[in-house]
Amino acid sequence: QNRAPVRDWILLQKQSELDKLHLGLTGGTQEGYINIVTPKFPA
């Protein structure tokens, strides 16, 4: 779970779906949360 490509796969999954595997996998997306990317403006 901390090595590629499994780690990359985990990051794309919903955490609730990973929990159903009962393996203790963490790092999936939490439902109701949105990843916000802050734009970087040049000076």
All heavy atoms as atom14 arrays in JSON, in Angstrom:
{
  "sequence": "QNRAPVRDWILLQKQSELDKLHLGLTGGTQEGYINIVTPKFPA",
  "atom14_mask": [
    [1, 1, 1, 1, 1, 1, 1, 1, 1, 0, 0, 0, 0, 0],
    [1, 1, 1, 1, 1, 1, 1, 1, 0, 0, 0, 0, 0, 0],
    [1, 1, 1, 1, 1, 1, 1, 1, 1, 1, 1, 0, 0, 0],
    [1, 1, 1, 1, 1, 0, 0, 0, 0, 0, 0, 0, 0, 0],
    [1, 1, 1, 1, 1, 1, 1, 0, 0, 0, 0, 0, 0, 0],
    [1, 1, 1, 1, 1, 1, 1, 0, 0, 0, 0, 0, 0, 0],
    [1, 1, 1, 1, 1, 1, 1, 1, 1, 1, 1, 0, 0, 0],
    [1, 1, 1, 1, 1, 1, 1, 1, 0, 0, 0, 0, 0, 0],
    [1, 1, 1, 1, 1, 1, 1, 1, 1, 1, 1, 1, 1, 1],
    [1, 1, 1, 1, 1, 1, 1, 1, 0, 0, 0, 0, 0, 0],
    [1, 1, 1, 1, 1, 1, 1, 1, 0, 0, 0, 0, 0, 0],
    [1, 1, 1, 1, 1, 1, 1, 1, 0, 0, 0, 0, 0, 0],
    [1, 1, 1, 1, 1, 1, 1, 1, 1, 0, 0, 0, 0, 0],
    [1, 1, 1, 1, 1, 1, 1, 1, 1, 0, 0, 0, 0, 0],
    [1, 1, 1, 1, 1, 1, 1, 1, 1, 0, 0, 0, 0, 0],
    [1, 1, 1, 1, 1, 1, 0, 0, 0, 0, 0, 0, 0, 0],
    [1, 1, 1, 1, 1, 1, 1, 1, 1, 0, 0, 0, 0, 0],
    [1, 1, 1, 1, 1, 1, 1, 1, 0, 0, 0, 0, 0, 0],
    [1, 1, 1, 1, 1, 1, 1, 1, 0, 0, 0, 0, 0, 0],
    [1, 1, 1, 1, 1, 1, 1, 1, 1, 0, 0, 0, 0, 0],
    [1, 1, 1, 1, 1, 1, 1, 1, 0, 0, 0, 0, 0, 0],
    [1, 1, 1, 1, 1, 1, 1, 1, 1, 1, 0, 0, 0, 0],
    [1, 1, 1, 1, 1, 1, 1, 1, 0, 0, 0, 0, 0, 0],
    [1, 1, 1, 1, 0, 0, 0, 0, 0, 0, 0, 0, 0, 0],
    [1, 1, 1, 1, 1, 1, 1, 1, 0, 0, 0, 0, 0, 0],
    [1, 1, 1, 1, 1, 1, 1, 0, 0, 0, 0, 0, 0, 0],
    [1, 1, 1, 1, 0, 0, 0, 0, 0, 0, 0, 0, 0, 0],
    [1, 1, 1, 1, 0, 0, 0, 0, 0, 0, 0, 0, 0, 0],
    [1, 1, 1, 1, 1, 1, 1, 0, 0, 0, 0, 0, 0, 0],
    [1, 1, 1, 1, 1, 1, 1, 1, 1, 0, 0, 0, 0, 0],
    [1, 1, 1, 1, 1, 1, 1, 1, 1, 0, 0, 0, 0, 0],
    [1, 1, 1, 1, 0, 0, 0, 0, 0, 0, 0, 0, 0, 0],
    [1, 1, 1, 1, 1, 1, 1, 1, 1, 1, 1, 1, 0, 0],
    [1, 1, 1, 1, 1, 1, 1, 1, 0, 0, 0, 0, 0, 0],
    [1, 1, 1, 1, 1, 1, 1, 1, 0, 0, 0, 0, 0, 0],
    [1, 1, 1, 1, 1, 1, 1, 1, 0, 0, 0, 0, 0, 0],
    [1, 1, 1, 1, 1, 1, 1, 0, 0, 0, 0, 0, 0, 0],
    [1, 1, 1, 1, 1, 1, 1, 0, 0, 0, 0, 0, 0, 0],
    [1, 1, 1, 1, 1, 1, 1, 0, 0, 0, 0, 0, 0, 0],
    [1, 1, 1, 1, 1, 1, 1, 1, 1, 0, 0, 0, 0, 0],
    [1, 1, 1, 1, 1, 1, 1, 1, 1, 1, 1, 0, 0, 0],
    [1, 1, 1, 1, 1, 1, 1, 0, 0, 0, 0, 0, 0, 0],
    [1, 1, 1, 1, 1, 0, 0, 0, 0, 0, 0, 0, 0, 0]
  ],
  "atom14_positions": [
    [[0.79, -1.23, 0.0], [0.0, 0.0, 0.0], [0.83, 1.28, 0.0], [0.32, 2.35, -0.36], [-0.96, 0.01, 1.19], [-0.32, 0.11, 2.55], [-1.37, 0.33, 3.63], [-2.31, 1.12, 3.46], [-1.26, -0.39, 4.73], [0.0, 0.0, 0.0], [0.0, 0.0, 0.0], [0.0, 0.0, 0.0], [0.0, 0.0, 0.0], [0.0, 0.0, 0.0]],
    [[2.09, 1.2, 0.34], [2.94, 2.39, 0.31], [3.91, 2.39, -0.86], [4.84, 3.2, -0.91], [3.72, 2.52, 1.63], [2.8, 2.76, 2.81], [1.87, 3.56, 2.72], [3.04, 2.07, 3.91], [0.0, 0.0, 0.0], [0.0, 0.0, 0.0], [0.0, 0.0, 0.0], [0.0, 0.0, 0.0], [0.0, 0.0, 0.0], [0.0, 0.0, 0.0]],
    [[3.71, 1.46, -1.79], [4.59, 1.36, -2.95], [3.78, 1.45, -4.25], [2.62, 1.06, -4.29], [5.36, 0.03, -2.93], [6.41, -0.06, -1.83], [7.2, -1.35, -1.95], [6.45, -2.5, -1.44], [6.88, -3.76, -1.54], [8.02, -4.03, -2.17], [6.17, -4.75, -1.04], [0.0, 0.0, 0.0], [0.0, 0.0, 0.0], [0.0, 0.0, 0.0]],
    [[4.43, 1.99, -5.27], [3.79, 2.04, -6.59], [3.73, 0.63, -7.17], [4.62, -0.19, -6.89], [4.58, 2.96, -7.51], [0.0, 0.0, 0.0], [0.0, 0.0, 0.0], [0.0, 0.0, 0.0], [0.0, 0.0, 0.0], [0.0, 0.0, 0.0], [0.0, 0.0, 0.0], [0.0, 0.0, 0.0], [0.0, 0.0, 0.0], [0.0, 0.0, 0.0]],
    [[2.71, 0.32, -7.95], [1.59, 1.19, -8.36], [0.39, 1.12, -7.43], [-0.6, 1.81, -7.66], [1.24, 0.61, -9.72], [1.47, -0.86, -9.56], [2.68, -0.98, -8.67], [0.0, 0.0, 0.0], [0.0, 0.0, 0.0], [0.0, 0.0, 0.0], [0.0, 0.0, 0.0], [0.0, 0.0, 0.0], [0.0, 0.0, 0.0], [0.0, 0.0, 0.0]],
    [[0.46, 0.3, -6.39], [-0.69, 0.13, -5.5], [-1.03, 1.44, -4.8], [-2.21, 1.8, -4.67], [-0.42, -0.98, -4.46], [-1.57, -1.06, -3.44], [-0.25, -2.33, -5.16], [0.0, 0.0, 0.0], [0.0, 0.0, 0.0], [0.0, 0.0, 0.0], [0.0, 0.0, 0.0], [0.0, 0.0, 0.0], [0.0, 0.0, 0.0], [0.0, 0.0, 0.0]],
    [[0.0, 2.17, -4.37], [-0.25, 3.45, -3.69], [-1.02, 4.41, -4.62], [-1.96, 5.1, -4.19], [1.07, 4.09, -3.26], [0.89, 5.36, -2.42], [0.13, 5.06, -1.16], [-0.18, 6.26, -0.38], [-0.99, 6.27, 0.66], [-1.57, 5.16, 1.06], [-1.21, 7.38, 1.32], [0.0, 0.0, 0.0], [0.0, 0.0, 0.0], [0.0, 0.0, 0.0]],
    [[-0.62, 4.47, -5.87], [-1.29, 5.35, -6.83], [-2.73, 4.91, -7.05], [-3.62, 5.74, -7.24], [-0.52, 5.35, -8.16], [0.91, 5.84, -7.99], [1.12, 6.71, -7.13], [1.8, 5.34, -8.7], [0.0, 0.0, 0.0], [0.0, 0.0, 0.0], [0.0, 0.0, 0.0], [0.0, 0.0, 0.0], [0.0, 0.0, 0.0], [0.0, 0.0, 0.0]],
    [[-2.94, 3.61, -7.05], [-4.3, 3.08, -7.23], [-5.18, 3.45, -6.04], [-6.33, 3.87, -6.2], [-4.25, 1.56, -7.41], [-5.61, 0.92, -7.46], [-6.46, 0.88, -8.51], [-6.26, 0.25, -6.37], [-7.62, 0.21, -8.16], [-7.52, -0.19, -6.86], [-5.92, -0.05, -5.05], [-8.43, -0.89, -6.05], [-6.81, -0.74, -4.26], [-8.05, -1.16, -4.76]],
    [[-4.64, 3.33, -4.84], [-5.38, 3.66, -3.61], [-5.86, 5.11, -3.64], [-7.0, 5.41, -3.26], [-4.5, 3.41, -2.37], [-4.33, 1.9, -2.14], [-5.09, 4.07, -1.12], [-3.38, 1.55, -1.01], [0.0, 0.0, 0.0], [0.0, 0.0, 0.0], [0.0, 0.0, 0.0], [0.0, 0.0, 0.0], [0.0, 0.0, 0.0], [0.0, 0.0, 0.0]],
    [[-5.0, 6.02, -4.08], [-5.35, 7.44, -4.09], [-6.53, 7.76, -5.0], [-7.17, 8.8, -4.84], [-4.12, 8.26, -4.52], [-2.92, 8.23, -3.57], [-1.73, 8.96, -4.18], [-3.28, 8.84, -2.22], [0.0, 0.0, 0.0], [0.0, 0.0, 0.0], [0.0, 0.0, 0.0], [0.0, 0.0, 0.0], [0.0, 0.0, 0.0], [0.0, 0.0, 0.0]],
    [[-6.82, 6.87, -5.94], [-7.92, 7.09, -6.87], [-9.25, 6.51, -6.38], [-10.29, 6.73, -7.0], [-7.58, 6.48, -8.24], [-6.38, 7.08, -8.98], [-6.12, 6.3, -10.26], [-6.62, 8.55, -9.3], [0.0, 0.0, 0.0], [0.0, 0.0, 0.0], [0.0, 0.0, 0.0], [0.0, 0.0, 0.0], [0.0, 0.0, 0.0], [0.0, 0.0, 0.0]],
    [[-9.2, 5.76, -5.28], [-10.4, 5.06, -4.81], [-11.09, 5.83, -3.68], [-10.48, 6.61, -2.99], [-10.04, 3.65, -4.31], [-9.18, 2.85, -5.27], [-9.76, 2.79, -6.67], [-10.95, 2.52, -6.86], [-8.91, 3.03, -7.67], [0.0, 0.0, 0.0], [0.0, 0.0, 0.0], [0.0, 0.0, 0.0], [0.0, 0.0, 0.0], [0.0, 0.0, 0.0]],
    [[-12.39, 5.56, -3.52], [-13.11, 6.11, -2.37], [-12.7, 5.32, -1.12], [-12.62, 4.09, -1.16], [-14.61, 5.98, -2.58], [-15.17, 6.88, -3.68], [-16.67, 6.74, -3.79], [-17.25, 7.65, -4.86], [-18.72, 7.51, -4.97], [0.0, 0.0, 0.0], [0.0, 0.0, 0.0], [0.0, 0.0, 0.0], [0.0, 0.0, 0.0], [0.0, 0.0, 0.0]],
    [[-12.44, 6.04, -0.05], [-12.02, 5.38, 1.18], [-13.07, 4.39, 1.68], [-12.74, 3.33, 2.21], [-11.72, 6.42, 2.27], [-11.13, 5.84, 3.54], [-9.82, 5.11, 3.31], [-8.93, 5.63, 2.65], [-9.7, 3.9, 3.85], [0.0, 0.0, 0.0], [0.0, 0.0, 0.0], [0.0, 0.0, 0.0], [0.0, 0.0, 0.0], [0.0, 0.0, 0.0]],
    [[-14.34, 4.73, 1.48], [-15.41, 3.84, 1.93], [-15.36, 2.5, 1.2], [-15.67, 1.45, 1.78], [-16.78, 4.51, 1.69], [-16.96, 4.81, 0.32], [0.0, 0.0, 0.0], [0.0, 0.0, 0.0], [0.0, 0.0, 0.0], [0.0, 0.0, 0.0], [0.0, 0.0, 0.0], [0.0, 0.0, 0.0], [0.0, 0.0, 0.0], [0.0, 0.0, 0.0]],
    [[-14.93, 2.51, -0.09], [-14.81, 1.27, -0.85], [-13.59, 0.48, -0.41], [-13.62, -0.76, -0.35], [-14.72, 1.58, -2.35], [-16.01, 2.13, -2.95], [-17.16, 1.12, -2.84], [-16.96, -0.05, -3.23], [-18.24, 1.5, -2.36], [0.0, 0.0, 0.0], [0.0, 0.0, 0.0], [0.0, 0.0, 0.0], [0.0, 0.0, 0.0], [0.0, 0.0, 0.0]],
    [[-12.51, 1.18, -0.09], [-11.3, 0.51, 0.39], [-11.56, -0.16, 1.74], [-11.03, -1.25, 2.01], [-10.16, 1.53, 0.53], [-9.61, 2.12, -0.77], [-8.6, 3.22, -0.47], [-8.97, 1.05, -1.64], [0.0, 0.0, 0.0], [0.0, 0.0, 0.0], [0.0, 0.0, 0.0], [0.0, 0.0, 0.0], [0.0, 0.0, 0.0], [0.0, 0.0, 0.0]],
    [[-12.36, 0.49, 2.57], [-12.65, -0.06, 3.9], [-13.37, -1.41, 3.8], [-13.21, -2.26, 4.69], [-13.51, 0.92, 4.7], [-12.74, 2.18, 5.07], [-11.5, 2.15, 5.04], [-13.39, 3.2, 5.38], [0.0, 0.0, 0.0], [0.0, 0.0, 0.0], [0.0, 0.0, 0.0], [0.0, 0.0, 0.0], [0.0, 0.0, 0.0], [0.0, 0.0, 0.0]],
    [[-14.12, -1.61, 2.73], [-14.85, -2.86, 2.56], [-13.93, -4.05, 2.3], [-14.34, -5.21, 2.42], [-15.85, -2.73, 1.41], [-16.97, -1.73, 1.68], [-17.89, -1.59, 0.48], [-18.98, -0.55, 0.73], [-19.86, -0.37, -0.44], [0.0, 0.0, 0.0], [0.0, 0.0, 0.0], [0.0, 0.0, 0.0], [0.0, 0.0, 0.0], [0.0, 0.0, 0.0]],
    [[-12.67, -3.76, 1.95], [-11.7, -4.84, 1.74], [-11.13, -5.36, 3.06], [-10.51, -6.43, 3.1], [-10.54, -4.34, 0.85], [-10.91, -3.9, -0.57], [-9.67, -3.43, -1.31], [-11.6, -5.02, -1.34], [0.0, 0.0, 0.0], [0.0, 0.0, 0.0], [0.0, 0.0, 0.0], [0.0, 0.0, 0.0], [0.0, 0.0, 0.0], [0.0, 0.0, 0.0]],
    [[-11.3, -4.57, 4.13], [-10.86, -4.95, 5.48], [-9.37, -5.25, 5.52], [-8.92, -6.22, 6.15], [-11.65, -6.17, 5.98], [-13.14, -5.99, 5.95], [-13.79, -5.1, 6.79], [-14.1, -6.55, 5.17], [-15.09, -5.13, 6.54], [-15.31, -6.0, 5.56], [0.0, 0.0, 0.0], [0.0, 0.0, 0.0], [0.0, 0.0, 0.0], [0.0, 0.0, 0.0]],
    [[-8.6, -4.39, 4.86], [-7.14, -4.57, 4.84], [-6.41, -3.42, 5.54], [-5.19, -3.43, 5.62], [-6.64, -4.66, 3.38], [-7.14, -5.84, 2.55], [-6.63, -5.71, 1.11], [-6.68, -7.16, 3.15], [0.0, 0.0, 0.0], [0.0, 0.0, 0.0], [0.0, 0.0, 0.0], [0.0, 0.0, 0.0], [0.0, 0.0, 0.0], [0.0, 0.0, 0.0]],
    [[-7.16, -2.43, 6.01], [-6.54, -1.28, 6.65], [-5.9, -0.32, 5.66], [-5.01, 0.45, 6.04], [0.0, 0.0, 0.0], [0.0, 0.0, 0.0], [0.0, 0.0, 0.0], [0.0, 0.0, 0.0], [0.0, 0.0, 0.0], [0.0, 0.0, 0.0], [0.0, 0.0, 0.0], [0.0, 0.0, 0.0], [0.0, 0.0, 0.0], [0.0, 0.0, 0.0]],
    [[-6.33, -0.35, 4.41], [-5.77, 0.55, 3.4], [-6.27, 1.97, 3.65], [-7.45, 2.19, 3.86], [-6.18, 0.11, 1.99], [-5.78, -1.32, 1.58], [-6.27, -1.6, 0.17], [-4.28, -1.51, 1.67], [0.0, 0.0, 0.0], [0.0, 0.0, 0.0], [0.0, 0.0, 0.0], [0.0, 0.0, 0.0], [0.0, 0.0, 0.0], [0.0, 0.0, 0.0]],
    [[-5.38, 2.93, 3.62], [-5.74, 4.33, 3.84], [-5.18, 5.2, 2.73], [-4.21, 4.83, 2.07], [-5.2, 4.85, 5.19], [-3.77, 4.71, 5.2], [-5.8, 4.06, 6.34], [0.0, 0.0, 0.0], [0.0, 0.0, 0.0], [0.0, 0.0, 0.0], [0.0, 0.0, 0.0], [0.0, 0.0, 0.0], [0.0, 0.0, 0.0], [0.0, 0.0, 0.0]],
    [[-5.81, 6.36, 2.54], [-5.34, 7.29, 1.51], [-6.34, 7.53, 0.41], [-6.11, 8.35, -0.48], [0.0, 0.0, 0.0], [0.0, 0.0, 0.0], [0.0, 0.0, 0.0], [0.0, 0.0, 0.0], [0.0, 0.0, 0.0], [0.0, 0.0, 0.0], [0.0, 0.0, 0.0], [0.0, 0.0, 0.0], [0.0, 0.0, 0.0], [0.0, 0.0, 0.0]],
    [[-7.49, 6.85, 0.49], [-8.53, 7.06, -0.5], [-9.24, 8.39, -0.29], [-9.06, 9.05, 0.74], [0.0, 0.0, 0.0], [0.0, 0.0, 0.0], [0.0, 0.0, 0.0], [0.0, 0.0, 0.0], [0.0, 0.0, 0.0], [0.0, 0.0, 0.0], [0.0, 0.0, 0.0], [0.0, 0.0, 0.0], [0.0, 0.0, 0.0], [0.0, 0.0, 0.0]],
    [[-10.05, 8.79, -1.24], [-10.77, 10.07, -1.14], [-11.95, 9.92, -0.19], [-12.65, 8.91, -0.19], [-11.27, 10.53, -2.51], [-12.14, 9.52, -3.05], [-10.12, 10.74, -3.46], [0.0, 0.0, 0.0], [0.0, 0.0, 0.0], [0.0, 0.0, 0.0], [0.0, 0.0, 0.0], [0.0, 0.0, 0.0], [0.0, 0.0, 0.0], [0.0, 0.0, 0.0]],
    [[-12.15, 10.95, 0.62], [-13.27, 10.98, 1.56], [-14.49, 11.57, 0.87], [-14.39, 12.59, 0.19], [-12.91, 11.82, 2.8], [-11.74, 11.29, 3.58], [-12.05, 10.0, 4.32], [-13.22, 9.65, 4.5], [-11.03, 9.28, 4.75], [0.0, 0.0, 0.0], [0.0, 0.0, 0.0], [0.0, 0.0, 0.0], [0.0, 0.0, 0.0], [0.0, 0.0, 0.0]],
    [[-15.63, 10.95, 1.02], [-16.84, 11.46, 0.41], [-17.24, 12.78, 1.05], [-17.17, 12.95, 2.27], [-17.97, 10.44, 0.55], [-17.69, 9.15, -0.23], [-18.84, 8.17, -0.14], [-19.99, 8.64, -0.09], [-18.58, 6.96, -0.12], [0.0, 0.0, 0.0], [0.0, 0.0, 0.0], [0.0, 0.0, 0.0], [0.0, 0.0, 0.0], [0.0, 0.0, 0.0]],
    [[-17.65, 13.73, 0.22], [-18.05, 15.04, 0.73], [-16.92, 16.04, 0.74], [-17.12, 17.2, 1.04], [0.0, 0.0, 0.0], [0.0, 0.0, 0.0], [0.0, 0.0, 0.0], [0.0, 0.0, 0.0], [0.0, 0.0, 0.0], [0.0, 0.0, 0.0], [0.0, 0.0, 0.0], [0.0, 0.0, 0.0], [0.0, 0.0, 0.0], [0.0, 0.0, 0.0]],
    [[-15.7, 15.59, 0.42], [-14.56, 16.5, 0.39], [-14.18, 16.79, -1.06], [-14.29, 15.93, -1.92], [-13.34, 15.89, 1.1], [-13.47, 15.92, 2.61], [-14.22, 14.95, 3.28], [-12.86, 16.92, 3.36], [-14.36, 14.97, 4.66], [-12.98, 16.95, 4.74], [-13.73, 15.97, 5.38], [-13.86, 16.0, 6.75], [0.0, 0.0, 0.0], [0.0, 0.0, 0.0]],
    [[-13.75, 17.99, -1.29], [-13.32, 18.41, -2.62], [-11.88, 18.88, -2.53], [-11.52, 19.67, -1.66], [-14.2, 19.55, -3.16], [-15.67, 19.12, -3.21], [-13.71, 20.0, -4.54], [-16.6, 20.23, -3.64], [0.0, 0.0, 0.0], [0.0, 0.0, 0.0], [0.0, 0.0, 0.0], [0.0, 0.0, 0.0], [0.0, 0.0, 0.0], [0.0, 0.0, 0.0]],
    [[-11.05, 18.38, -3.42], [-9.67, 18.83, -3.48], [-9.62, 20.17, -4.21], [-10.03, 20.28, -5.36], [-8.8, 17.81, -4.23], [-8.63, 16.53, -3.44], [-8.59, 16.55, -2.22], [-8.53, 15.42, -4.15], [0.0, 0.0, 0.0], [0.0, 0.0, 0.0], [0.0, 0.0, 0.0], [0.0, 0.0, 0.0], [0.0, 0.0, 0.0], [0.0, 0.0, 0.0]],
    [[-9.15, 21.18, -3.51], [-9.07, 22.51, -4.09], [-7.63, 22.84, -4.41], [-6.76, 22.76, -3.55], [-9.62, 23.57, -3.11], [-11.11, 23.27, -2.8], [-9.46, 24.97, -3.69], [-11.71, 24.2, -1.79], [0.0, 0.0, 0.0], [0.0, 0.0, 0.0], [0.0, 0.0, 0.0], [0.0, 0.0, 0.0], [0.0, 0.0, 0.0], [0.0, 0.0, 0.0]],
    [[-7.38, 23.18, -5.65], [-6.03, 23.55, -6.08], [-5.94, 25.07, -6.09], [-6.7, 25.75, -6.78], [-5.74, 23.01, -7.5], [-4.34, 23.42, -7.94], [-5.88, 21.49, -7.51], [0.0, 0.0, 0.0], [0.0, 0.0, 0.0], [0.0, 0.0, 0.0], [0.0, 0.0, 0.0], [0.0, 0.0, 0.0], [0.0, 0.0, 0.0], [0.0, 0.0, 0.0]],
    [[-5.03, 25.61, -5.3], [-4.86, 27.05, -5.21], [-3.99, 27.54, -6.36], [-2.85, 27.09, -6.51], [-4.18, 27.45, -3.88], [-4.96, 26.92, -2.81], [-4.08, 28.96, -3.76], [0.0, 0.0, 0.0], [0.0, 0.0, 0.0], [0.0, 0.0, 0.0], [0.0, 0.0, 0.0], [0.0, 0.0, 0.0], [0.0, 0.0, 0.0], [0.0, 0.0, 0.0]],
    [[-4.52, 28.41, -7.22], [-3.72, 28.9, -8.36], [-2.57, 29.77, -7.88], [-2.68, 30.48, -6.88], [-4.74, 29.69, -9.17], [-5.76, 30.14, -8.18], [-5.86, 29.02, -7.17], [0.0, 0.0, 0.0], [0.0, 0.0, 0.0], [0.0, 0.0, 0.0], [0.0, 0.0, 0.0], [0.0, 0.0, 0.0], [0.0, 0.0, 0.0], [0.0, 0.0, 0.0]],
    [[-1.48, 29.69, -8.59], [-0.31, 30.51, -8.27], [-0.21, 31.62, -9.32], [-0.07, 31.35, -10.5], [0.96, 29.65, -8.29], [0.97, 28.59, -7.2], [2.28, 27.8, -7.24], [2.31, 26.75, -6.14], [3.57, 25.97, -6.16], [0.0, 0.0, 0.0], [0.0, 0.0, 0.0], [0.0, 0.0, 0.0], [0.0, 0.0, 0.0], [0.0, 0.0, 0.0]],
    [[-0.33, 32.86, -8.83], [-0.27, 33.99, -9.74], [1.13, 34.59, -9.74], [1.73, 34.77, -8.67], [-1.27, 35.08, -9.32], [-2.7, 34.61, -9.35], [-3.35, 34.21, -8.19], [-3.37, 34.51, -10.55], [-4.65, 33.76, -8.22], [-4.69, 34.07, -10.59], [-5.32, 33.7, -9.43], [0.0, 0.0, 0.0], [0.0, 0.0, 0.0], [0.0, 0.0, 0.0]],
    [[1.66, 34.9, -10.9], [3.0, 35.51, -10.95], [2.96, 36.92, -10.38], [1.96, 37.61, -10.48], [3.33, 35.52, -12.45], [1.99, 35.52, -13.13], [1.09, 34.69, -12.23], [0.0, 0.0, 0.0], [0.0, 0.0, 0.0], [0.0, 0.0, 0.0], [0.0, 0.0, 0.0], [0.0, 0.0, 0.0], [0.0, 0.0, 0.0], [0.0, 0.0, 0.0]],
    [[4.06, 37.33, -9.79], [4.15, 38.68, -9.22], [4.08, 39.7, -10.34], [4.61, 39.51, -11.43], [5.47, 38.82, -8.45], [0.0, 0.0, 0.0], [0.0, 0.0, 0.0], [0.0, 0.0, 0.0], [0.0, 0.0, 0.0], [0.0, 0.0, 0.0], [0.0, 0.0, 0.0], [0.0, 0.0, 0.0], [0.0, 0.0, 0.0], [0.0, 0.0, 0.0]]
  ]
}
